[in-house]
Amino acid sequence: MTTTCCEHTWLLTLLRDLNVKPLLPVHLFCDNQAALLIVRNPVFHERTKHIEVDCHYVRDKFKLGQIHPCYETSKNQLDDLFTKVVSASQYSYLLGKLGVVASSQPPA
């Protein structure tokens, strides 16, 4: 989430330099509900006392209204297609979400 927030900040700066008004907030999808709760909840609990600076950066972007963290199930995470071993049915499902079709099939 932190890396995505850094890229988002860079893009906002670029758009501002080009005099383009960006649409805010940007939806940031994550499949880790604990991370989403930590970003939204300003109260630190005993279990979160060793959170790194990354969490504070994401929380600051959330407070500024630049990002809106949203939950997305692991089943729908497109990056799993590139980073994990997935079943054949999951592979086909994710390819469909990307709009990839076999060359022998005409596009629908």
PDB file of N, CA and C in Angstrom:
ATOM      1  N   MET A   1       0.820  -1.189   0.000  1.00  0.00           N
ATOM      2  CA  MET A   1       0.000   0.000   0.000  1.00  0.00           C
ATOM      3  C   MET A   1       0.866   1.255   0.000  1.00  0.00           C
ATOM      4  N   THR A   2       1.982   1.183   0.700  1.00  0.00           N
ATOM      5  CA  THR A   2       2.858   2.348   0.771  1.00  0.00           C
ATOM      6  C   THR A   2       3.467   2.669  -0.589  1.00  0.00           C
ATOM      7  N   THR A   3       3.890   1.642  -1.301  1.00  0.00           N
ATOM      8  CA  THR A   3       4.476   1.855  -2.623  1.00  0.00           C
ATOM      9  C   THR A   3       3.457   2.490  -3.566  1.00  0.00           C
ATOM     10  N   THR A   4       2.236   2.018  -3.499  1.00  0.00           N
ATOM     11  CA  THR A   4       1.183   2.581  -4.338  1.00  0.00           C
ATOM     12  C   THR A   4       0.903   4.031  -3.953  1.00  0.00           C
ATOM     13  N   CYS A   5       0.913   4.332  -2.659  1.00  0.00           N
ATOM     14  CA  CYS A   5       0.710   5.722  -2.213  1.00  0.00           C
ATOM     15  C   CYS A   5       1.839   6.625  -2.699  1.00  0.00           C
ATOM     16  N   CYS A   6       3.061   6.113  -2.692  1.00  0.00           N
ATOM     17  CA  CYS A   6       4.194   6.903  -3.202  1.00  0.00           C
ATOM     18  C   CYS A   6       4.026   7.186  -4.690  1.00  0.00           C
ATOM     19  N   GLU A   7       3.627   6.168  -5.455  1.00  0.00           N
ATOM     20  CA  GLU A   7       3.390   6.368  -6.896  1.00  0.00           C
ATOM     21  C   GLU A   7       2.254   7.361  -7.112  1.00  0.00           C
ATOM     22  N   HIS A   8       1.222   7.264  -6.306  1.00  0.00           N
ATOM     23  CA  HIS A   8       0.087   8.172  -6.407  1.00  0.00           C
ATOM     24  C   HIS A   8       0.513   9.612  -6.129  1.00  0.00           C
ATOM     25  N   THR A   9       1.344   9.799  -5.115  1.00  0.00           N
ATOM     26  CA  THR A   9       1.845  11.136  -4.790  1.00  0.00           C
ATOM     27  C   THR A   9       2.658  11.703  -5.952  1.00  0.00           C
ATOM     28  N   TRP A  10       3.473  10.865  -6.562  1.00  0.00           N
ATOM     29  CA  TRP A  10       4.262  11.294  -7.710  1.00  0.00           C
ATOM     30  C   TRP A  10       3.347  11.704  -8.866  1.00  0.00           C
ATOM     31  N   LEU A  11       2.314  10.893  -9.125  1.00  0.00           N
ATOM     32  CA  LEU A  11       1.380  11.225 -10.205  1.00  0.00           C
ATOM     33  C   LEU A  11       0.610  12.515  -9.911  1.00  0.00           C
ATOM     34  N   LEU A  12       0.227  12.719  -8.654  1.00  0.00           N
ATOM     35  CA  LEU A  12      -0.456  13.975  -8.298  1.00  0.00           C
ATOM     36  C   LEU A  12       0.434  15.177  -8.561  1.00  0.00           C
ATOM     37  N   THR A  13       1.707  15.072  -8.226  1.00  0.00           N
ATOM     38  CA  THR A  13       2.650  16.157  -8.473  1.00  0.00           C
ATOM     39  C   THR A  13       2.809  16.414  -9.966  1.00  0.00           C
ATOM     40  N   LEU A  14       2.909  15.345 -10.744  1.00  0.00           N
ATOM     41  CA  LEU A  14       3.023  15.476 -12.195  1.00  0.00           C
ATOM     42  C   LEU A  14       1.783  16.146 -12.778  1.00  0.00           C
ATOM     43  N   LEU A  15       0.597  15.701 -12.352  1.00  0.00           N
ATOM     44  CA  LEU A  15      -0.640  16.296 -12.852  1.00  0.00           C
ATOM     45  C   LEU A  15      -0.753  17.765 -12.463  1.00  0.00           C
ATOM     46  N   ARG A  16      -0.325  18.091 -11.244  1.00  0.00           N
ATOM     47  CA  ARG A  16      -0.355  19.485 -10.805  1.00  0.00           C
ATOM     48  C   ARG A  16       0.573  20.330 -11.673  1.00  0.00           C
ATOM     49  N   ASP A  17       1.759  19.805 -12.007  1.00  0.00           N
ATOM     50  CA  ASP A  17       2.686  20.531 -12.869  1.00  0.00           C
ATOM     51  C   ASP A  17       2.124  20.737 -14.273  1.00  0.00           C
ATOM     52  N   LEU A  18       1.274  19.812 -14.720  1.00  0.00           N
ATOM     53  CA  LEU A  18       0.661  19.916 -16.043  1.00  0.00           C
ATOM     54  C   LEU A  18      -0.671  20.661 -16.011  1.00  0.00           C
ATOM     55  N   ASN A  19      -1.011  21.227 -14.841  1.00  0.00           N
ATOM     56  CA  ASN A  19      -2.257  21.963 -14.642  1.00  0.00           C
ATOM     57  C   ASN A  19      -3.494  21.108 -14.922  1.00  0.00           C
ATOM     58  N   VAL A  20      -3.418  19.843 -14.519  1.00  0.00           N
ATOM     59  CA  VAL A  20      -4.542  18.930 -14.654  1.00  0.00           C
ATOM     60  C   VAL A  20      -5.085  18.666 -13.258  1.00  0.00           C
ATOM     61  N   LYS A  21      -6.386  18.824 -13.095  1.00  0.00           N
ATOM     62  CA  LYS A  21      -6.984  18.590 -11.788  1.00  0.00           C
ATOM     63  C   LYS A  21      -7.275  17.095 -11.643  1.00  0.00           C
ATOM     64  N   PRO A  22      -6.625  16.421 -10.694  1.00  0.00           N
ATOM     65  CA  PRO A  22      -6.862  14.986 -10.525  1.00  0.00           C
ATOM     66  C   PRO A  22      -8.177  14.715  -9.801  1.00  0.00           C
ATOM     67  N   LEU A  23      -8.710  13.525 -10.032  1.00  0.00           N
ATOM     68  CA  LEU A  23      -9.907  13.089  -9.332  1.00  0.00           C
ATOM     69  C   LEU A  23      -9.489  12.456  -8.010  1.00  0.00           C
ATOM     70  N   LEU A  24     -10.016  12.970  -6.936  1.00  0.00           N
ATOM     71  CA  LEU A  24      -9.687  12.425  -5.622  1.00  0.00           C
ATOM     72  C   LEU A  24     -10.972  12.023  -4.924  1.00  0.00           C
ATOM     73  N   PRO A  25     -10.967  11.070  -4.058  1.00  0.00           N
ATOM     74  CA  PRO A  25      -9.860  10.202  -3.689  1.00  0.00           C
ATOM     75  C   PRO A  25      -9.715   9.034  -4.665  1.00  0.00           C
ATOM     76  N   VAL A  26      -8.557   8.455  -4.677  1.00  0.00           N
ATOM     77  CA  VAL A  26      -8.276   7.279  -5.493  1.00  0.00           C
ATOM     78  C   VAL A  26      -8.542   6.047  -4.642  1.00  0.00           C
ATOM     79  N   HIS A  27      -9.266   5.088  -5.186  1.00  0.00           N
ATOM     80  CA  HIS A  27      -9.554   3.853  -4.455  1.00  0.00           C
ATOM     81  C   HIS A  27      -8.321   2.965  -4.458  1.00  0.00           C
ATOM     82  N   LEU A  28      -7.903   2.547  -3.285  1.00  0.00           N
ATOM     83  CA  LEU A  28      -6.740   1.685  -3.110  1.00  0.00           C
ATOM     84  C   LEU A  28      -7.247   0.345  -2.595  1.00  0.00           C
ATOM     85  N   PHE A  29      -7.185  -0.685  -3.438  1.00  0.00           N
ATOM     86  CA  PHE A  29      -7.733  -1.989  -3.098  1.00  0.00           C
ATOM     87  C   PHE A  29      -6.688  -2.842  -2.398  1.00  0.00           C
ATOM     88  N   CYS A  30      -7.111  -3.523  -1.328  1.00  0.00           N
ATOM     89  CA  CYS A  30      -6.216  -4.356  -0.533  1.00  0.00           C
ATOM     90  C   CYS A  30      -7.006  -5.557  -0.026  1.00  0.00           C
ATOM     91  N   ASP A  31      -6.346  -6.714   0.054  1.00  0.00           N
ATOM     92  CA  ASP A  31      -7.030  -7.904   0.559  1.00  0.00           C
ATOM     93  C   ASP A  31      -6.702  -8.190   2.024  1.00  0.00           C
ATOM     94  N   ASN A  32      -6.035  -7.263   2.692  1.00  0.00           N
ATOM     95  CA  ASN A  32      -5.673  -7.437   4.091  1.00  0.00           C
ATOM     96  C   ASN A  32      -6.542  -6.520   4.940  1.00  0.00           C
ATOM     97  N   GLN A  33      -7.562  -7.104   5.576  1.00  0.00           N
ATOM     98  CA  GLN A  33      -8.486  -6.298   6.363  1.00  0.00           C
ATOM     99  C   GLN A  33      -7.811  -5.666   7.579  1.00  0.00           C
ATOM    100  N   ALA A  34      -6.838  -6.347   8.150  1.00  0.00           N
ATOM    101  CA  ALA A  34      -6.127  -5.779   9.303  1.00  0.00           C
ATOM    102  C   ALA A  34      -5.392  -4.503   8.904  1.00  0.00           C
ATOM    103  N   ALA A  35      -4.753  -4.510   7.740  1.00  0.00           N
ATOM    104  CA  ALA A  35      -4.045  -3.315   7.270  1.00  0.00           C
ATOM    105  C   ALA A  35      -5.019  -2.171   7.024  1.00  0.00           C
ATOM    106  N   LEU A  36      -6.184  -2.473   6.484  1.00  0.00           N
ATOM    107  CA  LEU A  36      -7.188  -1.437   6.239  1.00  0.00           C
ATOM    108  C   LEU A  36      -7.699  -0.836   7.550  1.00  0.00           C
ATOM    109  N   LEU A  37      -7.897  -1.682   8.555  1.00  0.00           N
ATOM    110  CA  LEU A  37      -8.358  -1.174   9.847  1.00  0.00           C
ATOM    111  C   LEU A  37      -7.300  -0.302  10.514  1.00  0.00           C
ATOM    112  N   ILE A  38      -6.039  -0.681  10.385  1.00  0.00           N
ATOM    113  CA  ILE A  38      -4.966   0.114  10.981  1.00  0.00           C
ATOM    114  C   ILE A  38      -4.873   1.479  10.308  1.00  0.00           C
ATOM    115  N   VAL A  39      -5.075   1.522   8.991  1.00  0.00           N
ATOM    116  CA  VAL A  39      -5.030   2.803   8.274  1.00  0.00           C
ATOM    117  C   VAL A  39      -6.174   3.707   8.723  1.00  0.00           C
ATOM    118  N   ARG A  40      -7.366   3.139   8.908  1.00  0.00           N
ATOM    119  CA  ARG A  40      -8.541   3.939   9.251  1.00  0.00           C
ATOM    120  C   ARG A  40      -8.620   4.309  10.724  1.00  0.00           C
ATOM    121  N   ASN A  41      -8.041   3.489  11.597  1.00  0.00           N
ATOM    122  CA  ASN A  41      -8.193   3.676  13.037  1.00  0.00           C
ATOM    123  C   ASN A  41      -7.000   4.436  13.604  1.00  0.00           C
ATOM    124  N   PRO A  42      -7.208   5.640  14.113  1.00  0.00           N
ATOM    125  CA  PRO A  42      -6.081   6.414  14.645  1.00  0.00           C
ATOM    126  C   PRO A  42      -5.605   5.938  16.014  1.00  0.00           C
ATOM    127  N   VAL A  43      -6.340   5.035  16.634  1.00  0.00           N
ATOM    128  CA  VAL A  43      -5.970   4.550  17.963  1.00  0.00           C
ATOM    129  C   VAL A  43      -4.991   3.390  17.814  1.00  0.00           C
ATOM    130  N   PHE A  44      -3.835   3.517  18.434  1.00  0.00           N
ATOM    131  CA  PHE A  44      -2.857   2.437  18.394  1.00  0.00           C
ATOM    132  C   PHE A  44      -3.114   1.488  19.557  1.00  0.00           C
ATOM    133  N   HIS A  45      -3.132   0.234  19.265  1.00  0.00           N
ATOM    134  CA  HIS A  45      -3.309  -0.782  20.274  1.00  0.00           C
ATOM    135  C   HIS A  45      -1.959  -1.421  20.580  1.00  0.00           C
ATOM    136  N   GLU A  46      -1.917  -2.222  21.593  1.00  0.00           N
ATOM    137  CA  GLU A  46      -0.676  -2.875  22.002  1.00  0.00           C
ATOM    138  C   GLU A  46      -0.073  -3.698  20.869  1.00  0.00           C
ATOM    139  N   ARG A  47      -0.919  -4.342  20.079  1.00  0.00           N
ATOM    140  CA  ARG A  47      -0.402  -5.204  19.007  1.00  0.00           C
ATOM    141  C   ARG A  47       0.150  -4.407  17.827  1.00  0.00           C
ATOM    142  N   THR A  48      -0.149  -3.126  17.728  1.00  0.00           N
ATOM    143  CA  THR A  48       0.306  -2.333  16.589  1.00  0.00           C
ATOM    144  C   THR A  48       1.373  -1.318  16.970  1.00  0.00           C
ATOM    145  N   LYS A  49       1.989  -1.472  18.136  1.00  0.00           N
ATOM    146  CA  LYS A  49       2.940  -0.455  18.572  1.00  0.00           C
ATOM    147  C   LYS A  49       4.246  -0.474  17.780  1.00  0.00           C
ATOM    148  N   HIS A  50       4.527  -1.562  17.051  1.00  0.00           N
ATOM    149  CA  HIS A  50       5.766  -1.653  16.296  1.00  0.00           C
ATOM    150  C   HIS A  50       5.551  -1.444  14.793  1.00  0.00           C
ATOM    151  N   ILE A  51       4.457  -0.801  14.437  1.00  0.00           N
ATOM    152  CA  ILE A  51       4.181  -0.521  13.029  1.00  0.00           C
ATOM    153  C   ILE A  51       5.241   0.439  12.507  1.00  0.00           C
ATOM    154  N   GLU A  52       5.678   0.185  11.297  1.00  0.00           N
ATOM    155  CA  GLU A  52       6.722   1.025  10.710  1.00  0.00           C
ATOM    156  C   GLU A  52       6.151   2.356  10.227  1.00  0.00           C
ATOM    157  N   VAL A  53       7.019   3.197   9.773  1.00  0.00           N
ATOM    158  CA  VAL A  53       6.645   4.527   9.279  1.00  0.00           C
ATOM    159  C   VAL A  53       5.713   4.414   8.073  1.00  0.00           C
ATOM    160  N   ASP A  54       5.791   3.306   7.350  1.00  0.00           N
ATOM    161  CA  ASP A  54       4.942   3.111   6.170  1.00  0.00           C
ATOM    162  C   ASP A  54       3.467   3.299   6.502  1.00  0.00           C
ATOM    163  N   CYS A  55       3.051   2.749   7.620  1.00  0.00           N
ATOM    164  CA  CYS A  55       1.648   2.841   8.028  1.00  0.00           C
ATOM    165  C   CYS A  55       1.248   4.294   8.242  1.00  0.00           C
ATOM    166  N   HIS A  56       2.132   5.064   8.836  1.00  0.00           N
ATOM    167  CA  HIS A  56       1.832   6.478   9.080  1.00  0.00           C
ATOM    168  C   HIS A  56       1.708   7.248   7.765  1.00  0.00           C
ATOM    169  N   TYR A  57       2.517   6.898   6.793  1.00  0.00           N
ATOM    170  CA  TYR A  57       2.458   7.560   5.488  1.00  0.00           C
ATOM    171  C   TYR A  57       1.108   7.296   4.823  1.00  0.00           C
ATOM    172  N   VAL A  58       0.684   6.042   4.828  1.00  0.00           N
ATOM    173  CA  VAL A  58      -0.602   5.688   4.220  1.00  0.00           C
ATOM    174  C   VAL A  58      -1.739   6.353   4.986  1.00  0.00           C
ATOM    175  N   ARG A  59      -1.661   6.360   6.301  1.00  0.00           N
ATOM    176  CA  ARG A  59      -2.698   7.001   7.108  1.00  0.00           C
ATOM    177  C   ARG A  59      -2.778   8.493   6.814  1.00  0.00           C
ATOM    178  N   ASP A  60      -1.628   9.156   6.645  1.00  0.00           N
ATOM    179  CA  ASP A  60      -1.630  10.585   6.327  1.00  0.00           C
ATOM    180  C   ASP A  60      -2.311  10.852   4.997  1.00  0.00           C
ATOM    181  N   LYS A  61      -2.057  10.010   4.007  1.00  0.00           N
ATOM    182  CA  LYS A  61      -2.706  10.170   2.700  1.00  0.00           C
ATOM    183  C   LYS A  61      -4.215   9.959   2.817  1.00  0.00           C
ATOM    184  N   PHE A  62      -4.613   9.031   3.687  1.00  0.00           N
ATOM    185  CA  PHE A  62      -6.038   8.789   3.927  1.00  0.00           C
ATOM    186  C   PHE A  62      -6.678  10.004   4.596  1.00  0.00           C
ATOM    187  N   LYS A  63      -6.006  10.579   5.594  1.00  0.00           N
ATOM    188  CA  LYS A  63      -6.529  11.760   6.293  1.00  0.00           C
ATOM    189  C   LYS A  63      -6.658  12.951   5.356  1.00  0.00           C
ATOM    190  N   LEU A  64      -5.722  13.078   4.411  1.00  0.00           N
ATOM    191  CA  LEU A  64      -5.771  14.181   3.451  1.00  0.00           C
ATOM    192  C   LEU A  64      -6.858  13.982   2.393  1.00  0.00           C
ATOM    193  N   GLY A  65      -7.443  12.791   2.351  1.00  0.00           N
ATOM    194  CA  GLY A  65      -8.487  12.507   1.378  1.00  0.00           C
ATOM    195  C   GLY A  65      -7.957  12.163   0.007  1.00  0.00           C
ATOM    196  N   GLN A  66      -6.676  11.796  -0.087  1.00  0.00           N
ATOM    197  CA  GLN A  66      -6.099  11.453  -1.378  1.00  0.00           C
ATOM    198  C   GLN A  66      -6.365  10.002  -1.758  1.00  0.00           C
ATOM    199  N   ILE A  67      -6.510   9.135  -0.771  1.00  0.00           N
ATOM    200  CA  ILE A  67      -6.794   7.732  -1.056  1.00  0.00           C
ATOM    201  C   ILE A  67      -8.023   7.296  -0.271  1.00  0.00           C
ATOM    202  N   HIS A  68      -8.673   6.274  -0.774  1.00  0.00           N
ATOM    203  CA  HIS A  68      -9.788   5.649  -0.080  1.00  0.00           C
ATOM    204  C   HIS A  68      -9.519   4.142  -0.088  1.00  0.00           C
ATOM    205  N   PRO A  69      -9.013   3.594   1.025  1.00  0.00           N
ATOM    206  CA  PRO A  69      -8.712   2.168   1.062  1.00  0.00           C
ATOM    207  C   PRO A  69      -9.993   1.337   1.020  1.00  0.00           C
ATOM    208  N   CYS A  70     -10.008   0.325   0.156  1.00  0.00           N
ATOM    209  CA  CYS A  70     -11.172  -0.539  -0.017  1.00  0.00           C
ATOM    210  C   CYS A  70     -10.739  -1.996   0.064  1.00  0.00           C
ATOM    211  N   TYR A  71     -11.626  -2.832   0.578  1.00  0.00           N
ATOM    212  CA  TYR A  71     -11.330  -4.261   0.664  1.00  0.00           C
ATOM    213  C   TYR A  71     -11.669  -4.942  -0.654  1.00  0.00           C
ATOM    214  N   GLU A  72     -10.800  -5.797  -1.095  1.00  0.00           N
ATOM    215  CA  GLU A  72     -11.001  -6.617  -2.286  1.00  0.00           C
ATOM    216  C   GLU A  72     -10.571  -8.036  -1.926  1.00  0.00           C
ATOM    217  N   THR A  73     -11.433  -9.000  -2.165  1.00  0.00           N
ATOM    218  CA  THR A  73     -11.099 -10.372  -1.793  1.00  0.00           C
ATOM    219  C   THR A  73      -9.877 -10.859  -2.554  1.00  0.00           C
ATOM    220  N   SER A  74      -9.187 -11.814  -1.982  1.00  0.00           N
ATOM    221  CA  SER A  74      -7.995 -12.373  -2.628  1.00  0.00           C
ATOM    222  C   SER A  74      -8.335 -12.992  -3.973  1.00  0.00           C
ATOM    223  N   LYS A  75      -9.548 -13.509  -4.095  1.00  0.00           N
ATOM    224  CA  LYS A  75      -9.973 -14.146  -5.342  1.00  0.00           C
ATOM    225  C   LYS A  75      -9.952 -13.168  -6.520  1.00  0.00           C
ATOM    226  N   ASN A  76     -10.196 -11.899  -6.240  1.00  0.00           N
ATOM    227  CA  ASN A  76     -10.278 -10.892  -7.302  1.00  0.00           C
ATOM    228  C   ASN A  76      -8.996 -10.092  -7.503  1.00  0.00           C
ATOM    229  N   GLN A  77      -7.935 -10.430  -6.811  1.00  0.00           N
ATOM    230  CA  GLN A  77      -6.680  -9.697  -6.942  1.00  0.00           C
ATOM    231  C   GLN A  77      -5.984 -10.074  -8.249  1.00  0.00           C
ATOM    232  N   LEU A  78      -5.908  -9.133  -9.178  1.00  0.00           N
ATOM    233  CA  LEU A  78      -5.303  -9.400 -10.483  1.00  0.00           C
ATOM    234  C   LEU A  78      -3.812  -9.703 -10.391  1.00  0.00           C
ATOM    235  N   ASP A  79      -3.132  -9.133  -9.420  1.00  0.00           N
ATOM    236  CA  ASP A  79      -1.691  -9.363  -9.334  1.00  0.00           C
ATOM    237  C   ASP A  79      -1.357 -10.806  -8.966  1.00  0.00           C
ATOM    238  N   ASP A  80      -2.315 -11.555  -8.402  1.00  0.00           N
ATOM    239  CA  ASP A  80      -2.074 -12.967  -8.111  1.00  0.00           C
ATOM    240  C   ASP A  80      -1.751 -13.742  -9.382  1.00  0.00           C
ATOM    241  N   LEU A  81      -2.287 -13.301 -10.493  1.00  0.00           N
ATOM    242  CA  LEU A  81      -2.021 -13.947 -11.777  1.00  0.00           C
ATOM    243  C   LEU A  81      -0.540 -13.904 -12.122  1.00  0.00           C
ATOM    244  N   PHE A  82       0.131 -12.859 -11.709  1.00  0.00           N
ATOM    245  CA  PHE A  82       1.538 -12.669 -12.038  1.00  0.00           C
ATOM    246  C   PHE A  82       2.492 -13.083 -10.922  1.00  0.00           C
ATOM    247  N   THR A  83       1.988 -13.220  -9.704  1.00  0.00           N
ATOM    248  CA  THR A  83       2.885 -13.449  -8.570  1.00  0.00           C
ATOM    249  C   THR A  83       2.683 -14.767  -7.844  1.00  0.00           C
ATOM    250  N   LYS A  84       1.592 -15.486  -8.121  1.00  0.00           N
ATOM    251  CA  LYS A  84       1.297 -16.716  -7.390  1.00  0.00           C
ATOM    252  C   LYS A  84       0.873 -17.815  -8.341  1.00  0.00           C
ATOM    253  N   VAL A  85       0.923 -19.020  -7.830  1.00  0.00           N
ATOM    254  CA  VAL A  85       0.384 -20.160  -8.567  1.00  0.00           C
ATOM    255  C   VAL A  85      -1.106 -20.204  -8.295  1.00  0.00           C
ATOM    256  N   VAL A  86      -1.909 -20.153  -9.351  1.00  0.00           N
ATOM    257  CA  VAL A  86      -3.360 -20.167  -9.197  1.00  0.00           C
ATOM    258  C   VAL A  86      -3.939 -21.352  -9.951  1.00  0.00           C
ATOM    259  N   SER A  87      -5.134 -21.754  -9.581  1.00  0.00           N
ATOM    260  CA  SER A  87      -5.788 -22.885 -10.249  1.00  0.00           C
ATOM    261  C   SER A  87      -6.150 -22.487 -11.682  1.00  0.00           C
ATOM    262  N   ALA A  88      -6.484 -23.493 -12.482  1.00  0.00           N
ATOM    263  CA  ALA A  88      -6.837 -23.241 -13.879  1.00  0.00           C
ATOM    264  C   ALA A  88      -8.089 -22.375 -13.978  1.00  0.00           C
ATOM    265  N   SER A  89      -9.066 -22.635 -13.119  1.00  0.00           N
ATOM    266  CA  SER A  89     -10.295 -21.830 -13.165  1.00  0.00           C
ATOM    267  C   SER A  89     -10.020 -20.383 -12.730  1.00  0.00           C
ATOM    268  N   GLN A  90      -9.183 -20.215 -11.700  1.00  0.00           N
ATOM    269  CA  GLN A  90      -8.809 -18.867 -11.251  1.00  0.00           C
ATOM    270  C   GLN A  90      -8.009 -18.152 -12.337  1.00  0.00           C
ATOM    271  N   TYR A  91      -7.140 -18.882 -13.016  1.00  0.00           N
ATOM    272  CA  TYR A  91      -6.341 -18.331 -14.105  1.00  0.00           C
ATOM    273  C   TYR A  91      -7.250 -17.798 -15.213  1.00  0.00           C
ATOM    274  N   SER A  92      -8.239 -18.600 -15.609  1.00  0.00           N
ATOM    275  CA  SER A  92      -9.175 -18.174 -16.658  1.00  0.00           C
ATOM    276  C   SER A  92     -10.000 -16.973 -16.210  1.00  0.00           C
ATOM    277  N   TYR A  93     -10.421 -16.992 -14.954  1.00  0.00           N
ATOM    278  CA  TYR A  93     -11.217 -15.891 -14.412  1.00  0.00           C
ATOM    279  C   TYR A  93     -10.425 -14.587 -14.435  1.00  0.00           C
ATOM    280  N   LEU A  94      -9.180 -14.636 -13.973  1.00  0.00           N
ATOM    281  CA  LEU A  94      -8.360 -13.426 -13.930  1.00  0.00           C
ATOM    282  C   LEU A  94      -8.002 -12.945 -15.332  1.00  0.00           C
ATOM    283  N   LEU A  95      -7.751 -13.876 -16.254  1.00  0.00           N
ATOM    284  CA  LEU A  95      -7.496 -13.470 -17.641  1.00  0.00           C
ATOM    285  C   LEU A  95      -8.713 -12.752 -18.224  1.00  0.00           C
ATOM    286  N   GLY A  96      -9.891 -13.248 -17.892  1.00  0.00           N
ATOM    287  CA  GLY A  96     -11.126 -12.615 -18.352  1.00  0.00           C
ATOM    288  C   GLY A  96     -11.260 -11.196 -17.807  1.00  0.00           C
ATOM    289  N   LYS A  97     -10.880 -10.995 -16.532  1.00  0.00           N
ATOM    290  CA  LYS A  97     -10.941  -9.655 -15.946  1.00  0.00           C
ATOM    291  C   LYS A  97      -9.977  -8.705 -16.640  1.00  0.00           C
ATOM    292  N   LEU A  98      -8.865  -9.249 -17.144  1.00  0.00           N
ATOM    293  CA  LEU A  98      -7.896  -8.425 -17.867  1.00  0.00           C
ATOM    294  C   LEU A  98      -8.305  -8.191 -19.313  1.00  0.00           C
ATOM    295  N   GLY A  99      -9.308  -8.935 -19.778  1.00  0.00           N
ATOM    296  CA  GLY A  99      -9.756  -8.790 -21.160  1.00  0.00           C
ATOM    297  C   GLY A  99      -8.927  -9.598 -22.141  1.00  0.00           C
ATOM    298  N   VAL A 100      -8.190 -10.596 -21.647  1.00  0.00           N
ATOM    299  CA  VAL A 100      -7.368 -11.438 -22.510  1.00  0.00           C
ATOM    300  C   VAL A 100      -8.221 -12.576 -23.026  1.00  0.00           C
ATOM    301  N   VAL A 101      -8.228 -12.773 -24.346  1.00  0.00           N
ATOM    302  CA  VAL A 101      -8.963 -13.876 -24.965  1.00  0.00           C
ATOM    303  C   VAL A 101      -8.015 -14.666 -25.841  1.00  0.00           C
ATOM    304  N   ALA A 102      -8.333 -15.936 -26.030  1.00  0.00           N
ATOM    305  CA  ALA A 102      -7.525 -16.783 -26.907  1.00  0.00           C
ATOM    306  C   ALA A 102      -7.634 -16.275 -28.341  1.00  0.00           C
ATOM    307  N   SER A 103      -6.550 -16.388 -29.104  1.00  0.00           N
ATOM    308  CA  SER A 103      -6.552 -15.874 -30.476  1.00  0.00           C
ATOM    309  C   SER A 103      -7.494 -16.652 -31.380  1.00  0.00           C
ATOM    310  N   SER A 104      -7.854 -17.890 -30.991  1.00  0.00           N
ATOM    311  CA  SER A 104      -8.761 -18.687 -31.821  1.00  0.00           C
ATOM    312  C   SER A 104     -10.218 -18.312 -31.583  1.00  0.00           C
ATOM    313  N   GLN A 105     -10.495 -17.569 -30.516  1.00  0.00           N
ATOM    314  CA  GLN A 105     -11.859 -17.160 -30.213  1.00  0.00           C
ATOM    315  C   GLN A 105     -12.056 -15.705 -30.626  1.00  0.00           C
ATOM    316  N   PRO A 106     -13.156 -15.425 -31.310  1.00  0.00           N
ATOM    317  CA  PRO A 106     -13.439 -14.022 -31.630  1.00  0.00           C
ATOM    318  C   PRO A 106     -13.856 -13.275 -30.365  1.00  0.00           C
ATOM    319  N   PRO A 107     -13.481 -12.014 -30.249  1.00  0.00           N
ATOM    320  CA  PRO A 107     -13.887 -11.258 -29.056  1.00  0.00           C
ATOM    321  C   PRO A 107     -15.403 -11.101 -28.990  1.00  0.00           C
ATOM    322  N   ALA A 108     -15.956 -11.162 -27.789  1.00  0.00           N
ATOM    323  CA  ALA A 108     -17.403 -11.068 -27.611  1.00  0.00           C
ATOM    324  C   ALA A 108     -17.876  -9.644 -27.653  1.00  0.00           C
TER     325      ALA A 108
END
